[in-house]
Every structure is written in C-alpha cells, then in structure tokens.
Amino acid sequence: MREFVLTLHLRLHDSITALRRAHAVGDDDLATAQAGEVEDLVEIAARHGIDIAGYAALSPTG
C-alpha cells in the first residue's frame, strides 16, 4: 500500500505542475485535461482513504 500512496502523491504533484504549466502558456485544452486527471486522482485517494489534504491549498495557477 505504501508504494500505491507514494505513486498517487507523485502523480498528483505532476498533474498539478502540468496544470499550472498549461495555464501559464494559455493551453486551455491541456488545462482541462489536466484538471480532469487531478479530479480523478482526488477521487481515487478518497476511495482508498488516502490523506491528500496538503494539496487542498494548492491553486491550479500557482
């Protein structure tokens, strides 16, 4: 389970970074796709009881 949690956190970090980058360059399609991925990862975390509260304060635009 530890590896799953670590992978989920890494994917969240990468997705939020990519979302910010997409916003920065004005790529609305990529931003929409990345926002969907972040939402999916948050849902997965919730289903498995994984604490991702530290990501709640992160803004998609940095």
PDB file of N, CA and C in Angstrom:
ATOM      1  N   MET A   1       0.831  -1.197   0.000  1.00  0.00           N
ATOM      2  CA  MET A   1       0.000   0.000   0.000  1.00  0.00           C
ATOM      3  C   MET A   1       0.869   1.252   0.000  1.00  0.00           C
ATOM      4  N   ARG A   2       2.022   1.173   0.624  1.00  0.00           N
ATOM      5  CA  ARG A   2       2.903   2.342   0.705  1.00  0.00           C
ATOM      6  C   ARG A   2       3.330   2.824  -0.680  1.00  0.00           C
ATOM      7  N   GLU A   3       3.633   1.877  -1.557  1.00  0.00           N
ATOM      8  CA  GLU A   3       4.028   2.244  -2.918  1.00  0.00           C
ATOM      9  C   GLU A   3       2.866   2.890  -3.672  1.00  0.00           C
ATOM     10  N   PHE A   4       1.658   2.400  -3.450  1.00  0.00           N
ATOM     11  CA  PHE A   4       0.468   2.976  -4.062  1.00  0.00           C
ATOM     12  C   PHE A   4       0.290   4.425  -3.633  1.00  0.00           C
ATOM     13  N   VAL A   5       0.414   4.675  -2.339  1.00  0.00           N
ATOM     14  CA  VAL A   5       0.260   6.025  -1.797  1.00  0.00           C
ATOM     15  C   VAL A   5       1.326   6.956  -2.372  1.00  0.00           C
ATOM     16  N   LEU A   6       2.561   6.492  -2.403  1.00  0.00           N
ATOM     17  CA  LEU A   6       3.653   7.299  -2.957  1.00  0.00           C
ATOM     18  C   LEU A   6       3.392   7.619  -4.429  1.00  0.00           C
ATOM     19  N   THR A   7       2.990   6.624  -5.195  1.00  0.00           N
ATOM     20  CA  THR A   7       2.710   6.831  -6.619  1.00  0.00           C
ATOM     21  C   THR A   7       1.567   7.816  -6.812  1.00  0.00           C
ATOM     22  N   LEU A   8       0.536   7.703  -5.994  1.00  0.00           N
ATOM     23  CA  LEU A   8      -0.599   8.619  -6.089  1.00  0.00           C
ATOM     24  C   LEU A   8      -0.158  10.053  -5.799  1.00  0.00           C
ATOM     25  N   HIS A   9       0.640  10.232  -4.760  1.00  0.00           N
ATOM     26  CA  HIS A   9       1.142  11.575  -4.430  1.00  0.00           C
ATOM     27  C   HIS A   9       2.020  12.136  -5.549  1.00  0.00           C
ATOM     28  N   LEU A  10       2.849  11.302  -6.119  1.00  0.00           N
ATOM     29  CA  LEU A  10       3.705  11.762  -7.222  1.00  0.00           C
ATOM     30  C   LEU A  10       2.875  12.144  -8.437  1.00  0.00           C
ATOM     31  N   ARG A  11       1.875  11.347  -8.740  1.00  0.00           N
ATOM     32  CA  ARG A  11       1.007  11.665  -9.884  1.00  0.00           C
ATOM     33  C   ARG A  11       0.227  12.946  -9.642  1.00  0.00           C
ATOM     34  N   LEU A  12      -0.228  13.162  -8.411  1.00  0.00           N
ATOM     35  CA  LEU A  12      -0.916  14.411  -8.088  1.00  0.00           C
ATOM     36  C   LEU A  12       0.017  15.608  -8.279  1.00  0.00           C
ATOM     37  N   HIS A  13       1.218  15.487  -7.768  1.00  0.00           N
ATOM     38  CA  HIS A  13       2.201  16.570  -7.906  1.00  0.00           C
ATOM     39  C   HIS A  13       2.460  16.868  -9.379  1.00  0.00           C
ATOM     40  N   ASP A  14       2.702  15.827 -10.160  1.00  0.00           N
ATOM     41  CA  ASP A  14       2.979  16.002 -11.591  1.00  0.00           C
ATOM     42  C   ASP A  14       1.786  16.607 -12.327  1.00  0.00           C
ATOM     43  N   SER A  15       0.591  16.167 -11.979  1.00  0.00           N
ATOM     44  CA  SER A  15      -0.610  16.679 -12.643  1.00  0.00           C
ATOM     45  C   SER A  15      -0.865  18.138 -12.313  1.00  0.00           C
ATOM     46  N   ILE A  16      -0.657  18.505 -11.067  1.00  0.00           N
ATOM     47  CA  ILE A  16      -0.840  19.907 -10.670  1.00  0.00           C
ATOM     48  C   ILE A  16       0.211  20.776 -11.336  1.00  0.00           C
ATOM     49  N   THR A  17       1.443  20.285 -11.412  1.00  0.00           N
ATOM     50  CA  THR A  17       2.505  21.027 -12.098  1.00  0.00           C
ATOM     51  C   THR A  17       2.160  21.220 -13.570  1.00  0.00           C
ATOM     52  N   ALA A  18       1.690  20.169 -14.224  1.00  0.00           N
ATOM     53  CA  ALA A  18       1.318  20.253 -15.635  1.00  0.00           C
ATOM     54  C   ALA A  18       0.120  21.184 -15.827  1.00  0.00           C
ATOM     55  N   LEU A  19      -0.817  21.170 -14.893  1.00  0.00           N
ATOM     56  CA  LEU A  19      -1.977  22.056 -14.956  1.00  0.00           C
ATOM     57  C   LEU A  19      -1.537  23.517 -14.869  1.00  0.00           C
ATOM     58  N   ARG A  20      -0.646  23.802 -13.955  1.00  0.00           N
ATOM     59  CA  ARG A  20      -0.115  25.174 -13.825  1.00  0.00           C
ATOM     60  C   ARG A  20       0.610  25.593 -15.097  1.00  0.00           C
ATOM     61  N   ARG A  21       1.393  24.695 -15.645  1.00  0.00           N
ATOM     62  CA  ARG A  21       2.142  24.993 -16.866  1.00  0.00           C
ATOM     63  C   ARG A  21       1.179  25.271 -18.021  1.00  0.00           C
ATOM     64  N   ALA A  22       0.128  24.475 -18.135  1.00  0.00           N
ATOM     65  CA  ALA A  22      -0.857  24.676 -19.196  1.00  0.00           C
ATOM     66  C   ALA A  22      -1.542  26.034 -19.056  1.00  0.00           C
ATOM     67  N   HIS A  23      -1.884  26.397 -17.822  1.00  0.00           N
ATOM     68  CA  HIS A  23      -2.473  27.724 -17.583  1.00  0.00           C
ATOM     69  C   HIS A  23      -1.491  28.825 -17.974  1.00  0.00           C
ATOM     70  N   ALA A  24      -0.243  28.641 -17.626  1.00  0.00           N
ATOM     71  CA  ALA A  24       0.774  29.670 -17.875  1.00  0.00           C
ATOM     72  C   ALA A  24       0.966  29.951 -19.369  1.00  0.00           C
ATOM     73  N   VAL A  25       0.845  28.914 -20.182  1.00  0.00           N
ATOM     74  CA  VAL A  25       1.047  29.106 -21.625  1.00  0.00           C
ATOM     75  C   VAL A  25      -0.274  29.306 -22.362  1.00  0.00           C
ATOM     76  N   GLY A  26      -1.382  29.303 -21.637  1.00  0.00           N
ATOM     77  CA  GLY A  26      -2.677  29.554 -22.242  1.00  0.00           C
ATOM     78  C   GLY A  26      -3.265  28.391 -23.015  1.00  0.00           C
ATOM     79  N   ASP A  27      -2.844  27.178 -22.705  1.00  0.00           N
ATOM     80  CA  ASP A  27      -3.355  25.984 -23.392  1.00  0.00           C
ATOM     81  C   ASP A  27      -4.582  25.468 -22.639  1.00  0.00           C
ATOM     82  N   ASP A  28      -5.742  25.978 -23.022  1.00  0.00           N
ATOM     83  CA  ASP A  28      -6.976  25.630 -22.320  1.00  0.00           C
ATOM     84  C   ASP A  28      -7.344  24.158 -22.440  1.00  0.00           C
ATOM     85  N   ASP A  29      -7.080  23.557 -23.599  1.00  0.00           N
ATOM     86  CA  ASP A  29      -7.409  22.135 -23.779  1.00  0.00           C
ATOM     87  C   ASP A  29      -6.577  21.260 -22.853  1.00  0.00           C
ATOM     88  N   LEU A  30      -5.285  21.544 -22.783  1.00  0.00           N
ATOM     89  CA  LEU A  30      -4.417  20.774 -21.893  1.00  0.00           C
ATOM     90  C   LEU A  30      -4.792  21.028 -20.432  1.00  0.00           C
ATOM     91  N   ALA A  31      -5.111  22.266 -20.103  1.00  0.00           N
ATOM     92  CA  ALA A  31      -5.510  22.585 -18.731  1.00  0.00           C
ATOM     93  C   ALA A  31      -6.764  21.804 -18.340  1.00  0.00           C
ATOM     94  N   THR A  32      -7.703  21.715 -19.254  1.00  0.00           N
ATOM     95  CA  THR A  32      -8.926  20.955 -18.981  1.00  0.00           C
ATOM     96  C   THR A  32      -8.625  19.478 -18.764  1.00  0.00           C
ATOM     97  N   ALA A  33      -7.759  18.938 -19.610  1.00  0.00           N
ATOM     98  CA  ALA A  33      -7.384  17.528 -19.464  1.00  0.00           C
ATOM     99  C   ALA A  33      -6.670  17.285 -18.139  1.00  0.00           C
ATOM    100  N   GLN A  34      -5.760  18.174 -17.778  1.00  0.00           N
ATOM    101  CA  GLN A  34      -5.011  18.013 -16.530  1.00  0.00           C
ATOM    102  C   GLN A  34      -5.926  18.176 -15.317  1.00  0.00           C
ATOM    103  N   ALA A  35      -6.870  19.099 -15.394  1.00  0.00           N
ATOM    104  CA  ALA A  35      -7.825  19.273 -14.295  1.00  0.00           C
ATOM    105  C   ALA A  35      -8.639  18.000 -14.101  1.00  0.00           C
ATOM    106  N   GLY A  36      -9.009  17.358 -15.202  1.00  0.00           N
ATOM    107  CA  GLY A  36      -9.728  16.091 -15.116  1.00  0.00           C
ATOM    108  C   GLY A  36      -8.896  15.010 -14.462  1.00  0.00           C
ATOM    109  N   GLU A  37      -7.612  14.985 -14.791  1.00  0.00           N
ATOM    110  CA  GLU A  37      -6.731  13.990 -14.177  1.00  0.00           C
ATOM    111  C   GLU A  37      -6.598  14.234 -12.672  1.00  0.00           C
ATOM    112  N   VAL A  38      -6.458  15.503 -12.284  1.00  0.00           N
ATOM    113  CA  VAL A  38      -6.371  15.826 -10.853  1.00  0.00           C
ATOM    114  C   VAL A  38      -7.648  15.375 -10.153  1.00  0.00           C
ATOM    115  N   GLU A  39      -8.802  15.657 -10.746  1.00  0.00           N
ATOM    116  CA  GLU A  39     -10.074  15.234 -10.145  1.00  0.00           C
ATOM    117  C   GLU A  39     -10.136  13.722  -9.995  1.00  0.00           C
ATOM    118  N   ASP A  40      -9.692  13.000 -11.010  1.00  0.00           N
ATOM    119  CA  ASP A  40      -9.694  11.536 -10.937  1.00  0.00           C
ATOM    120  C   ASP A  40      -8.789  11.034  -9.813  1.00  0.00           C
ATOM    121  N   LEU A  41      -7.618  11.633  -9.687  1.00  0.00           N
ATOM    122  CA  LEU A  41      -6.677  11.214  -8.638  1.00  0.00           C
ATOM    123  C   LEU A  41      -7.227  11.514  -7.246  1.00  0.00           C
ATOM    124  N   VAL A  42      -7.890  12.652  -7.099  1.00  0.00           N
ATOM    125  CA  VAL A  42      -8.516  13.001  -5.815  1.00  0.00           C
ATOM    126  C   VAL A  42      -9.595  11.980  -5.472  1.00  0.00           C
ATOM    127  N   GLU A  43     -10.377  11.576  -6.468  1.00  0.00           N
ATOM    128  CA  GLU A  43     -11.410  10.571  -6.238  1.00  0.00           C
ATOM    129  C   GLU A  43     -10.802   9.230  -5.825  1.00  0.00           C
ATOM    130  N   ILE A  44      -9.733   8.839  -6.487  1.00  0.00           N
ATOM    131  CA  ILE A  44      -9.048   7.586  -6.136  1.00  0.00           C
ATOM    132  C   ILE A  44      -8.539   7.650  -4.699  1.00  0.00           C
ATOM    133  N   ALA A  45      -7.941   8.768  -4.342  1.00  0.00           N
ATOM    134  CA  ALA A  45      -7.437   8.932  -2.977  1.00  0.00           C
ATOM    135  C   ALA A  45      -8.572   8.822  -1.962  1.00  0.00           C
ATOM    136  N   ALA A  46      -9.688   9.454  -2.251  1.00  0.00           N
ATOM    137  CA  ALA A  46     -10.831   9.414  -1.331  1.00  0.00           C
ATOM    138  C   ALA A  46     -11.356   7.988  -1.162  1.00  0.00           C
ATOM    139  N   ARG A  47     -11.440   7.252  -2.270  1.00  0.00           N
ATOM    140  CA  ARG A  47     -11.929   5.874  -2.194  1.00  0.00           C
ATOM    141  C   ARG A  47     -11.047   4.979  -1.346  1.00  0.00           C
ATOM    142  N   HIS A  48      -9.758   5.292  -1.299  1.00  0.00           N
ATOM    143  CA  HIS A  48      -8.811   4.458  -0.562  1.00  0.00           C
ATOM    144  C   HIS A  48      -8.405   5.060   0.776  1.00  0.00           C
ATOM    145  N   GLY A  49      -9.049   6.155   1.163  1.00  0.00           N
ATOM    146  CA  GLY A  49      -8.781   6.765   2.463  1.00  0.00           C
ATOM    147  C   GLY A  49      -7.395   7.379   2.578  1.00  0.00           C
ATOM    148  N   ILE A  50      -6.865   7.869   1.469  1.00  0.00           N
ATOM    149  CA  ILE A  50      -5.528   8.457   1.459  1.00  0.00           C
ATOM    150  C   ILE A  50      -5.635   9.958   1.705  1.00  0.00           C
ATOM    151  N   ASP A  51      -4.875  10.437   2.665  1.00  0.00           N
ATOM    152  CA  ASP A  51      -4.891  11.851   3.030  1.00  0.00           C
ATOM    153  C   ASP A  51      -4.134  12.671   1.992  1.00  0.00           C
ATOM    154  N   ILE A  52      -4.841  13.562   1.338  1.00  0.00           N
ATOM    155  CA  ILE A  52      -4.215  14.470   0.376  1.00  0.00           C
ATOM    156  C   ILE A  52      -4.523  15.922   0.741  1.00  0.00           C
ATOM    157  N   ALA A  53      -4.793  16.149   2.021  1.00  0.00           N
ATOM    158  CA  ALA A  53      -5.170  17.486   2.491  1.00  0.00           C
ATOM    159  C   ALA A  53      -4.111  18.525   2.160  1.00  0.00           C
ATOM    160  N   GLY A  54      -2.867  18.135   2.086  1.00  0.00           N
ATOM    161  CA  GLY A  54      -1.806  19.087   1.777  1.00  0.00           C
ATOM    162  C   GLY A  54      -1.930  19.691   0.393  1.00  0.00           C
ATOM    163  N   TYR A  55      -2.685  19.045  -0.485  1.00  0.00           N
ATOM    164  CA  TYR A  55      -2.866  19.563  -1.836  1.00  0.00           C
ATOM    165  C   TYR A  55      -4.028  20.543  -1.915  1.00  0.00           C
ATOM    166  N   ALA A  56      -4.859  20.582  -0.891  1.00  0.00           N
ATOM    167  CA  ALA A  56      -6.063  21.428  -0.927  1.00  0.00           C
ATOM    168  C   ALA A  56      -5.728  22.913  -1.060  1.00  0.00           C
ATOM    169  N   ALA A  57      -4.610  23.322  -0.509  1.00  0.00           N
ATOM    170  CA  ALA A  57      -4.238  24.736  -0.546  1.00  0.00           C
ATOM    171  C   ALA A  57      -3.578  25.136  -1.861  1.00  0.00           C
ATOM    172  N   LEU A  58      -3.288  24.171  -2.714  1.00  0.00           N
ATOM    173  CA  LEU A  58      -2.610  24.477  -3.966  1.00  0.00           C
ATOM    174  C   LEU A  58      -3.592  25.020  -4.983  1.00  0.00           C
ATOM    175  N   SER A  59      -3.225  26.111  -5.580  1.00  0.00           N
ATOM    176  CA  SER A  59      -4.033  26.703  -6.633  1.00  0.00           C
ATOM    177  C   SER A  59      -3.581  26.133  -7.971  1.00  0.00           C
ATOM    178  N   PRO A  60      -4.509  25.870  -8.884  1.00  0.00           N
ATOM    179  CA  PRO A  60      -4.114  25.360 -10.191  1.00  0.00           C
ATOM    180  C   PRO A  60      -3.213  26.323 -10.955  1.00  0.00           C
ATOM    181  N   THR A  61      -3.284  27.590 -10.636  1.00  0.00           N
ATOM    182  CA  THR A  61      -2.490  28.571 -11.363  1.00  0.00           C
ATOM    183  C   THR A  61      -1.255  28.992 -10.609  1.00  0.00           C
ATOM    184  N   GLY A  62      -0.997  28.389  -9.473  1.00  0.00           N
ATOM    185  CA  GLY A  62       0.246  28.654  -8.749  1.00  0.00           C
ATOM    186  C   GLY A  62       0.091  29.714  -7.759  1.00  0.00           C
TER     187      GLY A  62
END
